[in-house]
Amino acid sequence: MARDQIKVPFGYEPPAETHKGTVLLFETFEDWTETEVHAFTRWAEERKFVRAIFYPQHEETLRRMDIPCQQPYYARVKHLESLLEQVDTTLQLDLDKWEGKRKKYTPIDTSLKFLTDKTPTPHFVCMSDRYANLFVTYPSFKEWIKKVRLVIINQFHVPLHGKLNEYAERWEVVDFGNGS
């Protein structure tokens, strides 16, 4: 096989990649407004992400995780779609409806595997403080925290689980202005 040779000037270095990675947002999105969506996209643009995936979870998954949710999955998806249509951003915003197709409980491990396999690295998982406190108690958390960085939304203002201190360099807390 012949290789193409490329001529470059002496001392040439390829330009640094300015945009990278994917942020996966796990949330109910039940009480999200334009304010939170705009704050999130502004934060993601500042961090120079290529793509943001909004991942609403099915009510059966939320019930098993003891996360209260009044609206059904499809109502939350419809609400989120209308919010995303109003956002003007350079970021690629996607709404993943895989859990709606499954129509049953989906472990967070399965969801993370599904999403990370089909999106460019590095991966950042963004979830509320309530979600993060649950996620840290799962046995697979140790494996996932090595593969992804965790971004915790200070939404419910609950104290964070002490186990997170072991991985202090792998997570950060942000505030998108949720008044919940």
C-alpha atoms as a PDB file:
ATOM      1  CA  MET A   1       0.000   0.000   0.000  1.00  0.00           C
ATOM      2  CA  ALA A   2       1.357   3.380  -0.978  1.00  0.00           C
ATOM      3  CA  ARG A   3       1.227   6.218   1.527  1.00  0.00           C
ATOM      4  CA  ASP A   4       0.656   9.797   0.544  1.00  0.00           C
ATOM      5  CA  GLN A   5       3.447  12.091   1.571  1.00  0.00           C
ATOM      6  CA  ILE A   6       2.561  15.486   2.877  1.00  0.00           C
ATOM      7  CA  LYS A   7       4.998  18.383   2.783  1.00  0.00           C
ATOM      8  CA  VAL A   8       4.947  20.777   5.700  1.00  0.00           C
ATOM      9  CA  PRO A   9       7.251  23.667   6.547  1.00  0.00           C
ATOM     10  CA  PHE A  10      10.054  23.120   9.054  1.00  0.00           C
ATOM     11  CA  GLY A  11       8.815  23.437  12.627  1.00  0.00           C
ATOM     12  CA  TYR A  12       5.168  22.921  11.695  1.00  0.00           C
ATOM     13  CA  GLU A  13       2.944  21.732  14.493  1.00  0.00           C
ATOM     14  CA  PRO A  14      -0.677  20.847  13.869  1.00  0.00           C
ATOM     15  CA  PRO A  15      -3.126  23.286  15.446  1.00  0.00           C
ATOM     16  CA  ALA A  16      -4.442  22.260  18.814  1.00  0.00           C
ATOM     17  CA  GLU A  17      -7.933  20.872  18.769  1.00  0.00           C
ATOM     18  CA  THR A  18     -10.142  23.592  20.192  1.00  0.00           C
ATOM     19  CA  HIS A  19     -13.373  21.645  20.556  1.00  0.00           C
ATOM     20  CA  LYS A  20     -13.541  18.214  22.078  1.00  0.00           C
ATOM     21  CA  GLY A  21     -15.635  15.706  23.902  1.00  0.00           C
ATOM     22  CA  THR A  22     -19.192  14.986  24.820  1.00  0.00           C
ATOM     23  CA  VAL A  23     -21.214  15.910  27.864  1.00  0.00           C
ATOM     24  CA  LEU A  24     -24.009  13.507  28.841  1.00  0.00           C
ATOM     25  CA  LEU A  25     -26.768  15.101  30.903  1.00  0.00           C
ATOM     26  CA  PHE A  26     -28.788  12.704  33.108  1.00  0.00           C
ATOM     27  CA  GLU A  27     -31.843  14.335  34.643  1.00  0.00           C
ATOM     28  CA  THR A  28     -35.634  14.142  34.877  1.00  0.00           C
ATOM     29  CA  PHE A  29     -35.906  17.548  33.109  1.00  0.00           C
ATOM     30  CA  GLU A  30     -39.319  17.882  34.715  1.00  0.00           C
ATOM     31  CA  ASP A  31     -38.662  21.288  36.262  1.00  0.00           C
ATOM     32  CA  TRP A  32     -36.139  22.636  33.750  1.00  0.00           C
ATOM     33  CA  THR A  33     -36.837  25.991  32.125  1.00  0.00           C
ATOM     34  CA  GLU A  34     -35.199  28.044  29.406  1.00  0.00           C
ATOM     35  CA  THR A  35     -32.950  29.554  32.081  1.00  0.00           C
ATOM     36  CA  GLU A  36     -31.370  26.214  33.018  1.00  0.00           C
ATOM     37  CA  VAL A  37     -31.009  25.086  29.396  1.00  0.00           C
ATOM     38  CA  HIS A  38     -29.344  28.378  28.398  1.00  0.00           C
ATOM     39  CA  ALA A  39     -27.058  28.268  31.453  1.00  0.00           C
ATOM     40  CA  PHE A  40     -26.085  24.681  30.630  1.00  0.00           C
ATOM     41  CA  THR A  41     -25.357  25.431  26.963  1.00  0.00           C
ATOM     42  CA  ARG A  42     -23.356  28.538  27.910  1.00  0.00           C
ATOM     43  CA  TRP A  43     -21.281  26.422  30.315  1.00  0.00           C
ATOM     44  CA  ALA A  44     -20.782  23.688  27.671  1.00  0.00           C
ATOM     45  CA  GLU A  45     -19.720  26.258  25.062  1.00  0.00           C
ATOM     46  CA  GLU A  46     -17.210  27.797  27.493  1.00  0.00           C
ATOM     47  CA  ARG A  47     -15.777  24.330  28.101  1.00  0.00           C
ATOM     48  CA  LYS A  48     -15.627  23.862  24.315  1.00  0.00           C
ATOM     49  CA  PHE A  49     -17.596  20.640  24.050  1.00  0.00           C
ATOM     50  CA  VAL A  50     -18.527  19.341  20.616  1.00  0.00           C
ATOM     51  CA  ARG A  51     -21.763  17.697  21.666  1.00  0.00           C
ATOM     52  CA  ALA A  52     -24.261  17.639  24.521  1.00  0.00           C
ATOM     53  CA  ILE A  53     -26.683  14.765  24.914  1.00  0.00           C
ATOM     54  CA  PHE A  54     -29.784  15.265  27.033  1.00  0.00           C
ATOM     55  CA  TYR A  55     -30.834  11.919  28.456  1.00  0.00           C
ATOM     56  CA  PRO A  56     -34.218  11.931  30.226  1.00  0.00           C
ATOM     57  CA  GLN A  57     -34.826   8.739  32.125  1.00  0.00           C
ATOM     58  CA  HIS A  58     -37.954   6.607  32.024  1.00  0.00           C
ATOM     59  CA  GLU A  59     -40.285   6.838  35.021  1.00  0.00           C
ATOM     60  CA  GLU A  60     -39.628   3.173  35.851  1.00  0.00           C
ATOM     61  CA  THR A  61     -35.896   3.916  36.137  1.00  0.00           C
ATOM     62  CA  LEU A  62     -36.604   6.951  38.291  1.00  0.00           C
ATOM     63  CA  ARG A  63     -38.973   4.965  40.510  1.00  0.00           C
ATOM     64  CA  ARG A  64     -36.304   2.300  41.106  1.00  0.00           C
ATOM     65  CA  MET A  65     -33.792   5.048  41.954  1.00  0.00           C
ATOM     66  CA  ASP A  66     -36.273   6.641  44.425  1.00  0.00           C
ATOM     67  CA  ILE A  67     -36.308   9.880  42.458  1.00  0.00           C
ATOM     68  CA  PRO A  68     -39.750  11.535  42.500  1.00  0.00           C
ATOM     69  CA  CYS A  69     -41.245  12.419  39.140  1.00  0.00           C
ATOM     70  CA  GLN A  70     -44.840  13.497  38.478  1.00  0.00           C
ATOM     71  CA  GLN A  71     -44.799  13.723  34.679  1.00  0.00           C
ATOM     72  CA  PRO A  72     -44.601  10.685  32.385  1.00  0.00           C
ATOM     73  CA  TYR A  73     -41.533  10.155  30.192  1.00  0.00           C
ATOM     74  CA  TYR A  74     -43.112  11.386  26.943  1.00  0.00           C
ATOM     75  CA  ALA A  75     -44.430  14.601  28.518  1.00  0.00           C
ATOM     76  CA  ARG A  76     -40.930  15.383  29.827  1.00  0.00           C
ATOM     77  CA  VAL A  77     -39.392  14.626  26.421  1.00  0.00           C
ATOM     78  CA  LYS A  78     -41.909  16.895  24.677  1.00  0.00           C
ATOM     79  CA  HIS A  79     -41.176  19.684  27.189  1.00  0.00           C
ATOM     80  CA  LEU A  80     -37.425  19.264  26.689  1.00  0.00           C
ATOM     81  CA  GLU A  81     -37.757  19.241  22.891  1.00  0.00           C
ATOM     82  CA  SER A  82     -39.585  22.579  23.016  1.00  0.00           C
ATOM     83  CA  LEU A  83     -36.840  24.017  25.261  1.00  0.00           C
ATOM     84  CA  LEU A  84     -34.054  22.787  22.974  1.00  0.00           C
ATOM     85  CA  GLU A  85     -35.729  24.283  19.882  1.00  0.00           C
ATOM     86  CA  GLN A  86     -35.399  27.735  21.431  1.00  0.00           C
ATOM     87  CA  VAL A  87     -31.652  27.480  22.103  1.00  0.00           C
ATOM     88  CA  ASP A  88     -29.268  29.269  19.755  1.00  0.00           C
ATOM     89  CA  THR A  89     -25.869  27.611  20.104  1.00  0.00           C
ATOM     90  CA  THR A  90     -22.906  26.318  18.131  1.00  0.00           C
ATOM     91  CA  LEU A  91     -22.982  23.198  20.281  1.00  0.00           C
ATOM     92  CA  GLN A  92     -24.546  20.059  18.826  1.00  0.00           C
ATOM     93  CA  LEU A  93     -27.528  19.376  21.103  1.00  0.00           C
ATOM     94  CA  ASP A  94     -29.093  15.929  20.977  1.00  0.00           C
ATOM     95  CA  LEU A  95     -32.000  14.406  22.832  1.00  0.00           C
ATOM     96  CA  ASP A  96     -31.542  10.667  23.290  1.00  0.00           C
ATOM     97  CA  LYS A  97     -34.848   8.785  23.540  1.00  0.00           C
ATOM     98  CA  TRP A  98     -33.438   5.291  23.977  1.00  0.00           C
ATOM     99  CA  GLU A  99     -35.067   4.767  27.378  1.00  0.00           C
ATOM    100  CA  GLY A 100     -38.439   5.617  25.865  1.00  0.00           C
ATOM    101  CA  LYS A 101     -38.004   2.788  23.382  1.00  0.00           C
ATOM    102  CA  ARG A 102     -37.068   0.348  26.145  1.00  0.00           C
ATOM    103  CA  LYS A 103     -40.089   1.336  28.283  1.00  0.00           C
ATOM    104  CA  LYS A 104     -38.608  -0.227  31.382  1.00  0.00           C
ATOM    105  CA  TYR A 105     -35.937   0.151  34.043  1.00  0.00           C
ATOM    106  CA  THR A 106     -32.509   0.833  32.586  1.00  0.00           C
ATOM    107  CA  PRO A 107     -29.515   0.666  34.940  1.00  0.00           C
ATOM    108  CA  ILE A 108     -27.238   3.689  34.776  1.00  0.00           C
ATOM    109  CA  ASP A 109     -24.366   1.377  33.743  1.00  0.00           C
ATOM    110  CA  THR A 110     -26.295   0.263  30.675  1.00  0.00           C
ATOM    111  CA  SER A 111     -27.175   3.844  29.762  1.00  0.00           C
ATOM    112  CA  LEU A 112     -23.584   5.036  30.179  1.00  0.00           C
ATOM    113  CA  LYS A 113     -22.215   2.147  28.116  1.00  0.00           C
ATOM    114  CA  PHE A 114     -24.758   2.833  25.363  1.00  0.00           C
ATOM    115  CA  LEU A 115     -23.974   6.557  25.240  1.00  0.00           C
ATOM    116  CA  THR A 116     -20.181   6.376  25.577  1.00  0.00           C
ATOM    117  CA  ASP A 117     -19.880   3.727  22.857  1.00  0.00           C
ATOM    118  CA  LYS A 118     -21.503   5.964  20.255  1.00  0.00           C
ATOM    119  CA  THR A 119     -20.031   9.392  21.097  1.00  0.00           C
ATOM    120  CA  PRO A 120     -16.557  10.953  20.870  1.00  0.00           C
ATOM    121  CA  THR A 121     -14.325  11.073  23.949  1.00  0.00           C
ATOM    122  CA  PRO A 122     -13.599  12.510  26.451  1.00  0.00           C
ATOM    123  CA  HIS A 123     -16.907  11.970  28.230  1.00  0.00           C
ATOM    124  CA  PHE A 124     -18.329  14.150  30.960  1.00  0.00           C
ATOM    125  CA  VAL A 125     -21.404  12.978  32.854  1.00  0.00           C
ATOM    126  CA  CYS A 126     -23.520  15.812  34.172  1.00  0.00           C
ATOM    127  CA  MET A 127     -26.130  15.034  36.827  1.00  0.00           C
ATOM    128  CA  SER A 128     -27.822  16.706  39.756  1.00  0.00           C
ATOM    129  CA  ASP A 129     -26.453  16.397  43.269  1.00  0.00           C
ATOM    130  CA  ARG A 130     -29.300  13.982  44.080  1.00  0.00           C
ATOM    131  CA  TYR A 131     -28.353  11.713  41.152  1.00  0.00           C
ATOM    132  CA  ALA A 132     -24.654  11.906  42.011  1.00  0.00           C
ATOM    133  CA  ASN A 133     -25.295  10.772  45.583  1.00  0.00           C
ATOM    134  CA  LEU A 134     -27.098   7.697  44.224  1.00  0.00           C
ATOM    135  CA  PHE A 135     -24.541   7.018  41.496  1.00  0.00           C
ATOM    136  CA  VAL A 136     -21.631   7.018  43.966  1.00  0.00           C
ATOM    137  CA  THR A 137     -23.266   4.169  45.939  1.00  0.00           C
ATOM    138  CA  TYR A 138     -23.459   1.823  42.929  1.00  0.00           C
ATOM    139  CA  PRO A 139     -20.769  -0.883  42.730  1.00  0.00           C
ATOM    140  CA  SER A 140     -19.804   0.139  39.190  1.00  0.00           C
ATOM    141  CA  PHE A 141     -19.089   3.749  40.214  1.00  0.00           C
ATOM    142  CA  LYS A 142     -15.374   2.984  40.756  1.00  0.00           C
ATOM    143  CA  GLU A 143     -15.013   1.774  37.168  1.00  0.00           C
ATOM    144  CA  TRP A 144     -17.015   4.625  35.634  1.00  0.00           C
ATOM    145  CA  ILE A 145     -15.314   7.438  37.513  1.00  0.00           C
ATOM    146  CA  LYS A 146     -12.031   6.320  35.927  1.00  0.00           C
ATOM    147  CA  LYS A 147     -13.560   6.521  32.427  1.00  0.00           C
ATOM    148  CA  VAL A 148     -15.613   9.701  32.707  1.00  0.00           C
ATOM    149  CA  ARG A 149     -15.486  12.988  34.564  1.00  0.00           C
ATOM    150  CA  LEU A 150     -18.450  13.815  36.738  1.00  0.00           C
ATOM    151  CA  VAL A 151     -20.075  17.246  36.707  1.00  0.00           C
ATOM    152  CA  ILE A 152     -22.498  17.701  39.589  1.00  0.00           C
ATOM    153  CA  ILE A 153     -25.256  20.291  39.216  1.00  0.00           C
ATOM    154  CA  ASN A 154     -25.940  21.959  42.545  1.00  0.00           C
ATOM    155  CA  GLN A 155     -29.698  21.737  41.960  1.00  0.00           C
ATOM    156  CA  PHE A 156     -31.199  20.395  45.185  1.00  0.00           C
ATOM    157  CA  HIS A 157     -28.464  21.700  47.499  1.00  0.00           C
ATOM    158  CA  VAL A 158     -28.081  18.368  49.282  1.00  0.00           C
ATOM    159  CA  PRO A 159     -24.773  17.466  50.954  1.00  0.00           C
ATOM    160  CA  LEU A 160     -22.616  15.312  48.692  1.00  0.00           C
ATOM    161  CA  HIS A 161     -21.798  11.724  49.583  1.00  0.00           C
ATOM    162  CA  GLY A 162     -18.490  11.318  51.460  1.00  0.00           C
ATOM    163  CA  LYS A 163     -17.281   8.654  49.024  1.00  0.00           C
ATOM    164  CA  LEU A 164     -16.867  11.373  46.376  1.00  0.00           C
ATOM    165  CA  ASN A 165     -13.887  12.761  48.327  1.00  0.00           C
ATOM    166  CA  GLU A 166     -11.830   9.719  47.253  1.00  0.00           C
ATOM    167  CA  TYR A 167     -12.169  10.903  43.635  1.00  0.00           C
ATOM    168  CA  ALA A 168     -11.949  14.669  44.188  1.00  0.00           C
ATOM    169  CA  GLU A 169      -9.892  15.206  41.010  1.00  0.00           C
ATOM    170  CA  ARG A 170     -12.526  13.474  38.832  1.00  0.00           C
ATOM    171  CA  TRP A 171     -15.558  15.674  39.573  1.00  0.00           C
ATOM    172  CA  GLU A 172     -16.638  19.285  39.945  1.00  0.00           C
ATOM    173  CA  VAL A 173     -19.763  21.150  41.058  1.00  0.00           C
ATOM    174  CA  VAL A 174     -21.552  23.719  38.869  1.00  0.00           C
ATOM    175  CA  ASP A 175     -24.681  25.808  39.384  1.00  0.00           C
ATOM    176  CA  PHE A 176     -27.025  26.448  36.442  1.00  0.00           C
ATOM    177  CA  GLY A 177     -29.421  28.616  38.408  1.00  0.00           C
ATOM    178  CA  ASN A 178     -32.035  26.022  39.295  1.00  0.00           C
ATOM    179  CA  GLY A 179     -34.167  27.402  42.052  1.00  0.00           C
ATOM    180  CA  SER A 180     -35.525  23.948  42.930  1.00  0.00           C
END
